[in-house]
Every structure is written in C-alpha cells, then in structure tokens.
C-alpha cells in the first residue's frame, strides 16, 4: 500500500491550541532516540522573525517564532528506525504509546 503524504497531512486537523504538537512530537522522538542506559544531548532552538507585533489589548511587543531547530545525539535513523519512518501509522514504537502519525503533524 502506498500513502499519499500530502493527502495524509491535509487530513490531520490541528486547532490553534495544538500548534506546538509538531514540536512536541519531534522532541519526544529525540528523547526516544537515546540509547537505553545512556544520556543524550538535546537542544531546541527557536528562531524569531525580525518583525515585531503589537498586541491590541496590551502595550507589549511580540516577536513571532518563525521556526525551530532540534538537535540530539541519539541513535538517529538506524535501518529499523528508517524502515518504520517510511510506514504511515507504524506500530514500531507502539509499546511506548506511539501511533506512527507524529511525523504528519
């Protein structure tokens, strides 16, 4: 079975309150990439837009976050991890509560 990734992503609805779910999914993947019994470095960097926005209700400026960069020293794409990544709704990490859809958020 082939999966149309664009269609899969289009069919996932996130509300404005869910806007950080993709970041959460990426951080969880980084944590899970740590070898059992070892430690791993994890760095999340937020990149801000150069433009500043004023809020209507408050006299403060907000500089929007444009993107995130996540770096870890985990095991990475082992053959098993990469094989799982290529499968939509993979059960590879189901014992950890994963459903194989996080990459689509």
PDB file of N, CA and C in Angstrom:
ATOM      1  N   UNK A   1       0.848  -1.172   0.000  1.00  0.00           N
ATOM      2  CA  UNK A   1       0.000   0.000   0.000  1.00  0.00           C
ATOM      3  C   UNK A   1       0.898   1.241   0.000  1.00  0.00           C
ATOM      4  N   UNK A   2       0.563   2.194  -0.835  1.00  0.00           N
ATOM      5  CA  UNK A   2       1.263   3.471  -0.868  1.00  0.00           C
ATOM      6  C   UNK A   2       0.430   4.509  -0.131  1.00  0.00           C
ATOM      7  N   UNK A   3       1.100   5.483   0.457  1.00  0.00           N
ATOM      8  CA  UNK A   3       0.407   6.549   1.180  1.00  0.00           C
ATOM      9  C   UNK A   3       0.721   7.877   0.506  1.00  0.00           C
ATOM     10  N   UNK A   4      -0.308   8.637   0.211  1.00  0.00           N
ATOM     11  CA  UNK A   4      -0.138   9.977  -0.327  1.00  0.00           C
ATOM     12  C   UNK A   4       0.121  10.888   0.875  1.00  0.00           C
ATOM     13  N   UNK A   5       1.388  11.261   1.074  1.00  0.00           N
ATOM     14  CA  UNK A   5       1.763  12.037   2.256  1.00  0.00           C
ATOM     15  C   UNK A   5       1.048  13.386   2.286  1.00  0.00           C
ATOM     16  N   UNK A   6       0.957  14.045   1.154  1.00  0.00           N
ATOM     17  CA  UNK A   6       0.273  15.333   1.101  1.00  0.00           C
ATOM     18  C   UNK A   6      -1.190  15.177   1.541  1.00  0.00           C
ATOM     19  N   UNK A   7      -1.841  14.118   1.092  1.00  0.00           N
ATOM     20  CA  UNK A   7      -3.220  13.855   1.486  1.00  0.00           C
ATOM     21  C   UNK A   7      -3.334  13.521   2.964  1.00  0.00           C
ATOM     22  N   UNK A   8      -2.390  12.742   3.479  1.00  0.00           N
ATOM     23  CA  UNK A   8      -2.394  12.379   4.904  1.00  0.00           C
ATOM     24  C   UNK A   8      -2.259  13.626   5.771  1.00  0.00           C
ATOM     25  N   UNK A   9      -1.318  14.503   5.405  1.00  0.00           N
ATOM     26  CA  UNK A   9      -1.111  15.733   6.165  1.00  0.00           C
ATOM     27  C   UNK A   9      -2.356  16.615   6.090  1.00  0.00           C
ATOM     28  N   UNK A  10      -2.953  16.707   4.914  1.00  0.00           N
ATOM     29  CA  UNK A  10      -4.152  17.532   4.724  1.00  0.00           C
ATOM     30  C   UNK A  10      -5.311  17.047   5.594  1.00  0.00           C
ATOM     31  N   UNK A  11      -5.383  15.746   5.851  1.00  0.00           N
ATOM     32  CA  UNK A  11      -6.484  15.174   6.620  1.00  0.00           C
ATOM     33  C   UNK A  11      -6.291  15.242   8.133  1.00  0.00           C
ATOM     34  N   UNK A  12      -5.144  15.743   8.581  1.00  0.00           N
ATOM     35  CA  UNK A  12      -4.920  15.912  10.024  1.00  0.00           C
ATOM     36  C   UNK A  12      -5.274  17.347  10.380  1.00  0.00           C
ATOM     37  N   UNK A  13      -6.245  17.502  11.259  1.00  0.00           N
ATOM     38  CA  UNK A  13      -6.699  18.828  11.660  1.00  0.00           C
ATOM     39  C   UNK A  13      -6.128  19.181  13.026  1.00  0.00           C
ATOM     40  N   UNK A  14      -5.417  20.303  13.077  1.00  0.00           N
ATOM     41  CA  UNK A  14      -4.903  20.805  14.347  1.00  0.00           C
ATOM     42  C   UNK A  14      -5.555  22.153  14.625  1.00  0.00           C
ATOM     43  N   UNK A  15      -6.022  22.333  15.840  1.00  0.00           N
ATOM     44  CA  UNK A  15      -6.603  23.620  16.222  1.00  0.00           C
ATOM     45  C   UNK A  15      -5.472  24.578  16.587  1.00  0.00           C
ATOM     46  N   UNK A  16      -5.766  25.856  16.706  1.00  0.00           N
ATOM     47  CA  UNK A  16      -4.729  26.798  17.134  1.00  0.00           C
ATOM     48  C   UNK A  16      -4.095  26.407  18.475  1.00  0.00           C
ATOM     49  N   UNK A  17      -4.859  25.761  19.336  1.00  0.00           N
ATOM     50  CA  UNK A  17      -4.306  25.309  20.615  1.00  0.00           C
ATOM     51  C   UNK A  17      -3.320  24.161  20.456  1.00  0.00           C
ATOM     52  N   UNK A  18      -3.344  23.496  19.303  1.00  0.00           N
ATOM     53  CA  UNK A  18      -2.457  22.358  19.043  1.00  0.00           C
ATOM     54  C   UNK A  18      -1.208  22.748  18.251  1.00  0.00           C
ATOM     55  N   UNK A  19      -0.959  24.037  18.101  1.00  0.00           N
ATOM     56  CA  UNK A  19       0.093  24.494  17.201  1.00  0.00           C
ATOM     57  C   UNK A  19       1.490  24.008  17.574  1.00  0.00           C
ATOM     58  N   UNK A  20       1.719  23.627  18.819  1.00  0.00           N
ATOM     59  CA  UNK A  20       3.047  23.150  19.216  1.00  0.00           C
ATOM     60  C   UNK A  20       3.156  21.617  19.215  1.00  0.00           C
ATOM     61  N   UNK A  21       2.105  20.928  18.783  1.00  0.00           N
ATOM     62  CA  UNK A  21       2.141  19.462  18.703  1.00  0.00           C
ATOM     63  C   UNK A  21       3.302  18.971  17.835  1.00  0.00           C
ATOM     64  N   UNK A  22       3.556  19.558  16.661  1.00  0.00           N
ATOM     65  CA  UNK A  22       4.697  19.082  15.866  1.00  0.00           C
ATOM     66  C   UNK A  22       6.034  19.203  16.611  1.00  0.00           C
ATOM     67  N   UNK A  23       6.200  20.280  17.369  1.00  0.00           N
ATOM     68  CA  UNK A  23       7.422  20.441  18.165  1.00  0.00           C
ATOM     69  C   UNK A  23       7.496  19.365  19.243  1.00  0.00           C
ATOM     70  N   UNK A  24       6.394  19.135  19.930  1.00  0.00           N
ATOM     71  CA  UNK A  24       6.339  18.088  20.951  1.00  0.00           C
ATOM     72  C   UNK A  24       6.695  16.726  20.357  1.00  0.00           C
ATOM     73  N   UNK A  25       6.127  16.406  19.206  1.00  0.00           N
ATOM     74  CA  UNK A  25       6.404  15.121  18.553  1.00  0.00           C
ATOM     75  C   UNK A  25       7.896  14.977  18.239  1.00  0.00           C
ATOM     76  N   UNK A  26       8.505  16.045  17.740  1.00  0.00           N
ATOM     77  CA  UNK A  26       9.931  15.998  17.402  1.00  0.00           C
ATOM     78  C   UNK A  26      10.796  15.838  18.651  1.00  0.00           C
ATOM     79  N   UNK A  27      10.444  16.517  19.730  1.00  0.00           N
ATOM     80  CA  UNK A  27      11.204  16.396  20.979  1.00  0.00           C
ATOM     81  C   UNK A  27      11.058  14.987  21.550  1.00  0.00           C
ATOM     82  N   UNK A  28       9.856  14.437  21.520  1.00  0.00           N
ATOM     83  CA  UNK A  28       9.639  13.069  22.003  1.00  0.00           C
ATOM     84  C   UNK A  28      10.483  12.078  21.190  1.00  0.00           C
ATOM     85  N   UNK A  29      10.514  12.257  19.856  1.00  0.00           N
ATOM     86  CA  UNK A  29      11.351  11.377  19.029  1.00  0.00           C
ATOM     87  C   UNK A  29      12.812  11.481  19.423  1.00  0.00           C
ATOM     88  N   UNK A  30      13.286  12.679  19.718  1.00  0.00           N
ATOM     89  CA  UNK A  30      14.678  12.861  20.142  1.00  0.00           C
ATOM     90  C   UNK A  30      14.943  12.150  21.460  1.00  0.00           C
ATOM     91  N   UNK A  31      14.021  12.271  22.390  1.00  0.00           N
ATOM     92  CA  UNK A  31      14.181  11.596  23.685  1.00  0.00           C
ATOM     93  C   UNK A  31      14.190  10.080  23.493  1.00  0.00           C
ATOM     94  N   UNK A  32      13.302   9.587  22.650  1.00  0.00           N
ATOM     95  CA  UNK A  32      13.235   8.144  22.409  1.00  0.00           C
ATOM     96  C   UNK A  32      14.456   7.623  21.652  1.00  0.00           C
ATOM     97  N   UNK A  33      15.211   8.504  21.005  1.00  0.00           N
ATOM     98  CA  UNK A  33      16.407   8.092  20.269  1.00  0.00           C
ATOM     99  C   UNK A  33      17.611   7.873  21.180  1.00  0.00           C
ATOM    100  N   UNK A  34      17.440   8.131  22.481  1.00  0.00           N
ATOM    101  CA  UNK A  34      18.516   7.912  23.431  1.00  0.00           C
ATOM    102  C   UNK A  34      18.682   6.414  23.669  1.00  0.00           C
ATOM    103  N   UNK A  35      19.909   5.959  23.610  1.00  0.00           N
ATOM    104  CA  UNK A  35      20.175   4.542  23.863  1.00  0.00           C
ATOM    105  C   UNK A  35      19.836   4.222  25.319  1.00  0.00           C
ATOM    106  N   UNK A  36      19.199   3.076  25.563  1.00  0.00           N
ATOM    107  CA  UNK A  36      18.880   2.697  26.946  1.00  0.00           C
ATOM    108  C   UNK A  36      20.145   2.673  27.807  1.00  0.00           C
ATOM    109  N   UNK A  37      20.055   3.259  28.994  1.00  0.00           N
ATOM    110  CA  UNK A  37      21.177   3.264  29.918  1.00  0.00           C
ATOM    111  C   UNK A  37      22.219   4.333  29.631  1.00  0.00           C
ATOM    112  N   UNK A  38      21.950   5.223  28.680  1.00  0.00           N
ATOM    113  CA  UNK A  38      22.919   6.284  28.384  1.00  0.00           C
ATOM    114  C   UNK A  38      22.214   7.633  28.392  1.00  0.00           C
ATOM    115  N   UNK A  39      23.008   8.678  28.291  1.00  0.00           N
ATOM    116  CA  UNK A  39      22.422  10.012  28.224  1.00  0.00           C
ATOM    117  C   UNK A  39      22.651  10.564  26.821  1.00  0.00           C
ATOM    118  N   UNK A  40      21.867  11.561  26.464  1.00  0.00           N
ATOM    119  CA  UNK A  40      21.953  12.142  25.138  1.00  0.00           C
ATOM    120  C   UNK A  40      21.701  13.634  25.249  1.00  0.00           C
ATOM    121  N   UNK A  41      22.424  14.410  24.461  1.00  0.00           N
ATOM    122  CA  UNK A  41      22.199  15.860  24.433  1.00  0.00           C
ATOM    123  C   UNK A  41      20.991  16.168  23.557  1.00  0.00           C
ATOM    124  N   UNK A  42      20.204  17.134  23.976  1.00  0.00           N
ATOM    125  CA  UNK A  42      19.030  17.563  23.218  1.00  0.00           C
ATOM    126  C   UNK A  42      18.981  19.084  23.285  1.00  0.00           C
ATOM    127  N   UNK A  43      18.987  19.736  22.120  1.00  0.00           N
ATOM    128  CA  UNK A  43      18.930  21.190  22.053  1.00  0.00           C
ATOM    129  C   UNK A  43      17.777  21.602  21.151  1.00  0.00           C
ATOM    130  N   UNK A  44      16.936  22.485  21.670  1.00  0.00           N
ATOM    131  CA  UNK A  44      15.840  23.048  20.880  1.00  0.00           C
ATOM    132  C   UNK A  44      16.109  24.545  20.763  1.00  0.00           C
ATOM    133  N   UNK A  45      16.198  25.015  19.534  1.00  0.00           N
ATOM    134  CA  UNK A  45      16.446  26.432  19.278  1.00  0.00           C
ATOM    135  C   UNK A  45      15.229  27.019  18.574  1.00  0.00           C
ATOM    136  N   UNK A  46      14.757  28.147  19.062  1.00  0.00           N
ATOM    137  CA  UNK A  46      13.648  28.855  18.432  1.00  0.00           C
ATOM    138  C   UNK A  46      14.210  30.040  17.661  1.00  0.00           C
ATOM    139  N   UNK A  47      13.827  30.162  16.403  1.00  0.00           N
ATOM    140  CA  UNK A  47      14.251  31.282  15.564  1.00  0.00           C
ATOM    141  C   UNK A  47      13.100  32.250  15.432  1.00  0.00           C
ATOM    142  N   UNK A  48      13.367  33.496  15.757  1.00  0.00           N
ATOM    143  CA  UNK A  48      12.326  34.522  15.721  1.00  0.00           C
ATOM    144  C   UNK A  48      12.410  35.349  14.448  1.00  0.00           C
ATOM    145  N   UNK A  49      11.248  35.809  14.038  1.00  0.00           N
ATOM    146  CA  UNK A  49      11.102  36.709  12.913  1.00  0.00           C
ATOM    147  C   UNK A  49      11.686  38.073  13.311  1.00  0.00           C
ATOM    148  N   UNK A  50      12.180  38.830  12.385  1.00  0.00           N
ATOM    149  CA  UNK A  50      12.702  40.164  12.693  1.00  0.00           C
ATOM    150  C   UNK A  50      11.602  41.183  12.941  1.00  0.00           C
ATOM    151  N   UNK A  51      10.374  40.847  12.565  1.00  0.00           N
ATOM    152  CA  UNK A  51       9.269  41.789  12.732  1.00  0.00           C
ATOM    153  C   UNK A  51       8.672  41.675  14.121  1.00  0.00           C
ATOM    154  N   UNK A  52       8.251  42.751  14.654  1.00  0.00           N
ATOM    155  CA  UNK A  52       7.628  42.776  15.968  1.00  0.00           C
ATOM    156  C   UNK A  52       6.152  43.119  15.805  1.00  0.00           C
ATOM    157  N   UNK A  53       5.290  42.465  16.563  1.00  0.00           N
ATOM    158  CA  UNK A  53       3.853  42.728  16.505  1.00  0.00           C
ATOM    159  C   UNK A  53       3.396  43.330  17.831  1.00  0.00           C
ATOM    160  N   UNK A  54       2.544  44.310  17.780  1.00  0.00           N
ATOM    161  CA  UNK A  54       1.959  44.873  18.994  1.00  0.00           C
ATOM    162  C   UNK A  54       0.614  44.210  19.220  1.00  0.00           C
ATOM    163  N   UNK A  55       0.326  43.865  20.445  1.00  0.00           N
ATOM    164  CA  UNK A  55      -0.984  43.295  20.745  1.00  0.00           C
ATOM    165  C   UNK A  55      -1.978  44.425  20.948  1.00  0.00           C
ATOM    166  N   UNK A  56      -3.228  44.154  20.670  1.00  0.00           N
ATOM    167  CA  UNK A  56      -4.269  45.171  20.779  1.00  0.00           C
ATOM    168  C   UNK A  56      -4.598  45.459  22.247  1.00  0.00           C
ATOM    169  N   UNK A  57      -4.669  44.400  23.055  1.00  0.00           N
ATOM    170  CA  UNK A  57      -5.103  44.565  24.441  1.00  0.00           C
ATOM    171  C   UNK A  57      -4.000  45.017  25.383  1.00  0.00           C
ATOM    172  N   UNK A  58      -2.756  44.771  25.006  1.00  0.00           N
ATOM    173  CA  UNK A  58      -1.649  45.090  25.899  1.00  0.00           C
ATOM    174  C   UNK A  58      -0.617  45.932  25.162  1.00  0.00           C
ATOM    175  N   UNK A  59       0.108  46.681  25.900  1.00  0.00           N
ATOM    176  CA  UNK A  59       1.125  47.531  25.287  1.00  0.00           C
ATOM    177  C   UNK A  59       2.475  46.806  25.297  1.00  0.00           C
ATOM    178  N   UNK A  60       2.503  45.613  24.709  1.00  0.00           N
ATOM    179  CA  UNK A  60       3.745  44.847  24.638  1.00  0.00           C
ATOM    180  C   UNK A  60       3.991  44.430  23.193  1.00  0.00           C
ATOM    181  N   UNK A  61       5.222  44.171  22.876  1.00  0.00           N
ATOM    182  CA  UNK A  61       5.577  43.702  21.546  1.00  0.00           C
ATOM    183  C   UNK A  61       5.873  42.208  21.599  1.00  0.00           C
ATOM    184  N   UNK A  62       5.423  41.501  20.596  1.00  0.00           N
ATOM    185  CA  UNK A  62       5.660  40.064  20.498  1.00  0.00           C
ATOM    186  C   UNK A  62       6.458  39.821  19.228  1.00  0.00           C
ATOM    187  N   UNK A  63       7.548  39.101  19.345  1.00  0.00           N
ATOM    188  CA  UNK A  63       8.332  38.744  18.170  1.00  0.00           C
ATOM    189  C   UNK A  63       7.993  37.286  17.848  1.00  0.00           C
ATOM    190  N   UNK A  64       7.274  37.055  16.739  1.00  0.00           N
ATOM    191  CA  UNK A  64       6.821  35.699  16.413  1.00  0.00           C
ATOM    192  C   UNK A  64       7.971  34.723  16.181  1.00  0.00           C
ATOM    193  N   UNK A  65       7.772  33.489  16.582  1.00  0.00           N
ATOM    194  CA  UNK A  65       8.729  32.427  16.295  1.00  0.00           C
ATOM    195  C   UNK A  65       8.489  31.969  14.869  1.00  0.00           C
ATOM    196  N   UNK A  66       9.540  31.917  14.094  1.00  0.00           N
ATOM    197  CA  UNK A  66       9.445  31.546  12.682  1.00  0.00           C
ATOM    198  C   UNK A  66       9.669  30.050  12.471  1.00  0.00           C
ATOM    199  N   UNK A  67      10.601  29.483  13.237  1.00  0.00           N
ATOM    200  CA  UNK A  67      10.899  28.057  13.083  1.00  0.00           C
ATOM    201  C   UNK A  67      11.656  27.554  14.304  1.00  0.00           C
ATOM    202  N   UNK A  68      11.795  26.232  14.370  1.00  0.00           N
ATOM    203  CA  UNK A  68      12.550  25.577  15.433  1.00  0.00           C
ATOM    204  C   UNK A  68      13.615  24.688  14.809  1.00  0.00           C
ATOM    205  N   UNK A  69      14.690  24.499  15.535  1.00  0.00           N
ATOM    206  CA  UNK A  69      15.729  23.543  15.143  1.00  0.00           C
ATOM    207  C   UNK A  69      15.936  22.621  16.343  1.00  0.00           C
ATOM    208  N   UNK A  70      15.878  21.328  16.093  1.00  0.00           N
ATOM    209  CA  UNK A  70      16.042  20.346  17.159  1.00  0.00           C
ATOM    210  C   UNK A  70      17.257  19.493  16.826  1.00  0.00           C
ATOM    211  N   UNK A  71      18.184  19.424  17.753  1.00  0.00           N
ATOM    212  CA  UNK A  71      19.389  18.617  17.568  1.00  0.00           C
ATOM    213  C   UNK A  71      19.522  17.662  18.747  1.00  0.00           C
ATOM    214  N   UNK A  72      19.887  16.413  18.453  1.00  0.00           N
ATOM    215  CA  UNK A  72      20.126  15.456  19.524  1.00  0.00           C
ATOM    216  C   UNK A  72      21.303  14.573  19.148  1.00  0.00           C
ATOM    217  N   UNK A  73      21.787  13.856  20.129  1.00  0.00           N
ATOM    218  CA  UNK A  73      22.891  12.924  19.871  1.00  0.00           C
ATOM    219  C   UNK A  73      22.409  11.487  20.043  1.00  0.00           C
ATOM    220  N   UNK A  74      21.160  11.270  19.649  1.00  0.00           N
ATOM    221  CA  UNK A  74      20.570   9.935  19.742  1.00  0.00           C
ATOM    222  C   UNK A  74      21.050   9.025  18.627  1.00  0.00           C
ATOM    223  N   UNK A  75      20.434   7.858  18.526  1.00  0.00           N
ATOM    224  CA  UNK A  75      20.875   6.830  17.581  1.00  0.00           C
ATOM    225  C   UNK A  75      20.571   7.181  16.133  1.00  0.00           C
ATOM    226  N   UNK A  76      19.643   8.100  15.883  1.00  0.00           N
ATOM    227  CA  UNK A  76      19.350   8.519  14.514  1.00  0.00           C
ATOM    228  C   UNK A  76      18.565   7.484  13.733  1.00  0.00           C
ATOM    229  N   UNK A  77      18.676   7.578  12.411  1.00  0.00           N
ATOM    230  CA  UNK A  77      17.937   6.682  11.531  1.00  0.00           C
ATOM    231  C   UNK A  77      18.690   5.368  11.355  1.00  0.00           C
ATOM    232  N   UNK A  78      18.537   4.488  12.333  1.00  0.00           N
ATOM    233  CA  UNK A  78      19.049   3.129  12.164  1.00  0.00           C
ATOM    234  C   UNK A  78      18.210   2.478  11.066  1.00  0.00           C
ATOM    235  N   UNK A  79      18.645   1.382  10.504  1.00  0.00           N
ATOM    236  CA  UNK A  79      17.804   0.729   9.485  1.00  0.00           C
ATOM    237  C   UNK A  79      16.381   0.451   9.979  1.00  0.00           C
ATOM    238  N   UNK A  80      16.248   0.035  11.238  1.00  0.00           N
ATOM    239  CA  UNK A  80      14.914  -0.247  11.792  1.00  0.00           C
ATOM    240  C   UNK A  80      14.083   1.036  11.922  1.00  0.00           C
ATOM    241  N   UNK A  81      14.733   2.117  12.425  1.00  0.00           N
ATOM    242  CA  UNK A  81      14.025   3.389  12.579  1.00  0.00           C
ATOM    243  C   UNK A  81      13.602   3.950  11.222  1.00  0.00           C
ATOM    244  N   UNK A  82      14.477   3.864  10.240  1.00  0.00           N
ATOM    245  CA  UNK A  82      14.157   4.395   8.916  1.00  0.00           C
ATOM    246  C   UNK A  82      13.038   3.590   8.263  1.00  0.00           C
ATOM    247  N   UNK A  83      13.078   2.275   8.427  1.00  0.00           N
ATOM    248  CA  UNK A  83      12.013   1.427   7.877  1.00  0.00           C
ATOM    249  C   UNK A  83      10.666   1.809   8.486  1.00  0.00           C
ATOM    250  N   UNK A  84      10.640   2.054   9.795  1.00  0.00           N
ATOM    251  CA  UNK A  84       9.418   2.469  10.471  1.00  0.00           C
ATOM    252  C   UNK A  84       8.968   3.844   9.991  1.00  0.00           C
ATOM    253  N   UNK A  85       9.925   4.756   9.799  1.00  0.00           N
ATOM    254  CA  UNK A  85       9.597   6.116   9.352  1.00  0.00           C
ATOM    255  C   UNK A  85       8.905   6.116   7.999  1.00  0.00           C
ATOM    256  N   UNK A  86       9.244   5.187   7.155  1.00  0.00           N
ATOM    257  CA  UNK A  86       8.666   5.109   5.812  1.00  0.00           C
ATOM    258  C   UNK A  86       7.243   4.556   5.816  1.00  0.00           C
ATOM    259  N   UNK A  87       6.773   4.043   6.955  1.00  0.00           N
ATOM    260  CA  UNK A  87       5.436   3.451   7.026  1.00  0.00           C
ATOM    261  C   UNK A  87       4.481   4.368   7.792  1.00  0.00           C
ATOM    262  N   UNK A  88       3.412   4.748   7.140  1.00  0.00           N
ATOM    263  CA  UNK A  88       2.383   5.540   7.823  1.00  0.00           C
ATOM    264  C   UNK A  88       1.742   4.682   8.904  1.00  0.00           C
ATOM    265  N   UNK A  89       1.535   5.273  10.063  1.00  0.00           N
ATOM    266  CA  UNK A  89       0.892   4.610  11.192  1.00  0.00           C
ATOM    267  C   UNK A  89       1.615   3.330  11.601  1.00  0.00           C
ATOM    268  N   UNK A  90       2.928   3.406  11.608  1.00  0.00           N
ATOM    269  CA  UNK A  90       3.772   2.282  12.010  1.00  0.00           C
ATOM    270  C   UNK A  90       3.509   1.890  13.464  1.00  0.00           C
ATOM    271  N   UNK A  91       3.620   0.618  13.755  1.00  0.00           N
ATOM    272  CA  UNK A  91       3.456   0.126  15.134  1.00  0.00           C
ATOM    273  C   UNK A  91       4.804  -0.134  15.799  1.00  0.00           C
ATOM    274  N   UNK A  92       5.886   0.302  15.167  1.00  0.00           N
ATOM    275  CA  UNK A  92       7.240   0.038  15.649  1.00  0.00           C
ATOM    276  C   UNK A  92       7.442   0.471  17.103  1.00  0.00           C
ATOM    277  N   UNK A  93       6.920   1.630  17.493  1.00  0.00           N
ATOM    278  CA  UNK A  93       7.092   2.121  18.863  1.00  0.00           C
ATOM    279  C   UNK A  93       5.757   2.131  19.629  1.00  0.00           C
ATOM    280  N   UNK A  94       4.869   1.223  19.267  1.00  0.00           N
ATOM    281  CA  UNK A  94       3.558   1.196  19.935  1.00  0.00           C
ATOM    282  C   UNK A  94       3.678   0.870  21.421  1.00  0.00           C
ATOM    283  N   UNK A  95       4.716   0.137  21.807  1.00  0.00           N
ATOM    284  CA  UNK A  95       4.894  -0.174  23.234  1.00  0.00           C
ATOM    285  C   UNK A  95       5.217   1.086  24.040  1.00  0.00           C
ATOM    286  N   UNK A  96       5.613   2.156  23.360  1.00  0.00           N
ATOM    287  CA  UNK A  96       5.890   3.437  24.021  1.00  0.00           C
ATOM    288  C   UNK A  96       4.701   4.389  23.919  1.00  0.00           C
ATOM    289  N   UNK A  97       3.590   3.902  23.362  1.00  0.00           N
ATOM    290  CA  UNK A  97       2.402   4.725  23.201  1.00  0.00           C
ATOM    291  C   UNK A  97       2.354   5.489  21.891  1.00  0.00           C
ATOM    292  N   UNK A  98       3.295   5.215  20.994  1.00  0.00           N
ATOM    293  CA  UNK A  98       3.359   5.914  19.709  1.00  0.00           C
ATOM    294  C   UNK A  98       2.386   5.304  18.712  1.00  0.00           C
ATOM    295  N   UNK A  99       1.852   6.144  17.829  1.00  0.00           N
ATOM    296  CA  UNK A  99       0.871   5.691  16.851  1.00  0.00           C
ATOM    297  C   UNK A  99       1.363   5.791  15.413  1.00  0.00           C
ATOM    298  N   UNK A 100       2.595   6.316  15.227  1.00  0.00           N
ATOM    299  CA  UNK A 100       3.156   6.383  13.881  1.00  0.00           C
ATOM    300  C   UNK A 100       2.589   7.477  13.008  1.00  0.00           C
ATOM    301  N   UNK A 101       2.004   8.506  13.634  1.00  0.00           N
ATOM    302  CA  UNK A 101       1.446   9.604  12.840  1.00  0.00           C
ATOM    303  C   UNK A 101       2.083  10.955  13.158  1.00  0.00           C
ATOM    304  N   UNK A 102       2.938  11.018  14.147  1.00  0.00           N
ATOM    305  CA  UNK A 102       3.536  12.279  14.588  1.00  0.00           C
ATOM    306  C   UNK A 102       4.231  13.023  13.474  1.00  0.00           C
ATOM    307  N   UNK A 103       4.900  12.321  12.589  1.00  0.00           N
ATOM    308  CA  UNK A 103       5.638  12.990  11.508  1.00  0.00           C
ATOM    309  C   UNK A 103       4.699  13.736  10.570  1.00  0.00           C
ATOM    310  N   UNK A 104       3.434  13.391  10.563  1.00  0.00           N
ATOM    311  CA  UNK A 104       2.486  14.050   9.663  1.00  0.00           C
ATOM    312  C   UNK A 104       1.931  15.349  10.244  1.00  0.00           C
ATOM    313  N   UNK A 105       2.108  15.555  11.569  1.00  0.00           N
ATOM    314  CA  UNK A 105       1.631  16.804  12.171  1.00  0.00           C
ATOM    315  C   UNK A 105       2.516  17.945  11.791  1.00  0.00           C
TER     316      UNK A 105
END
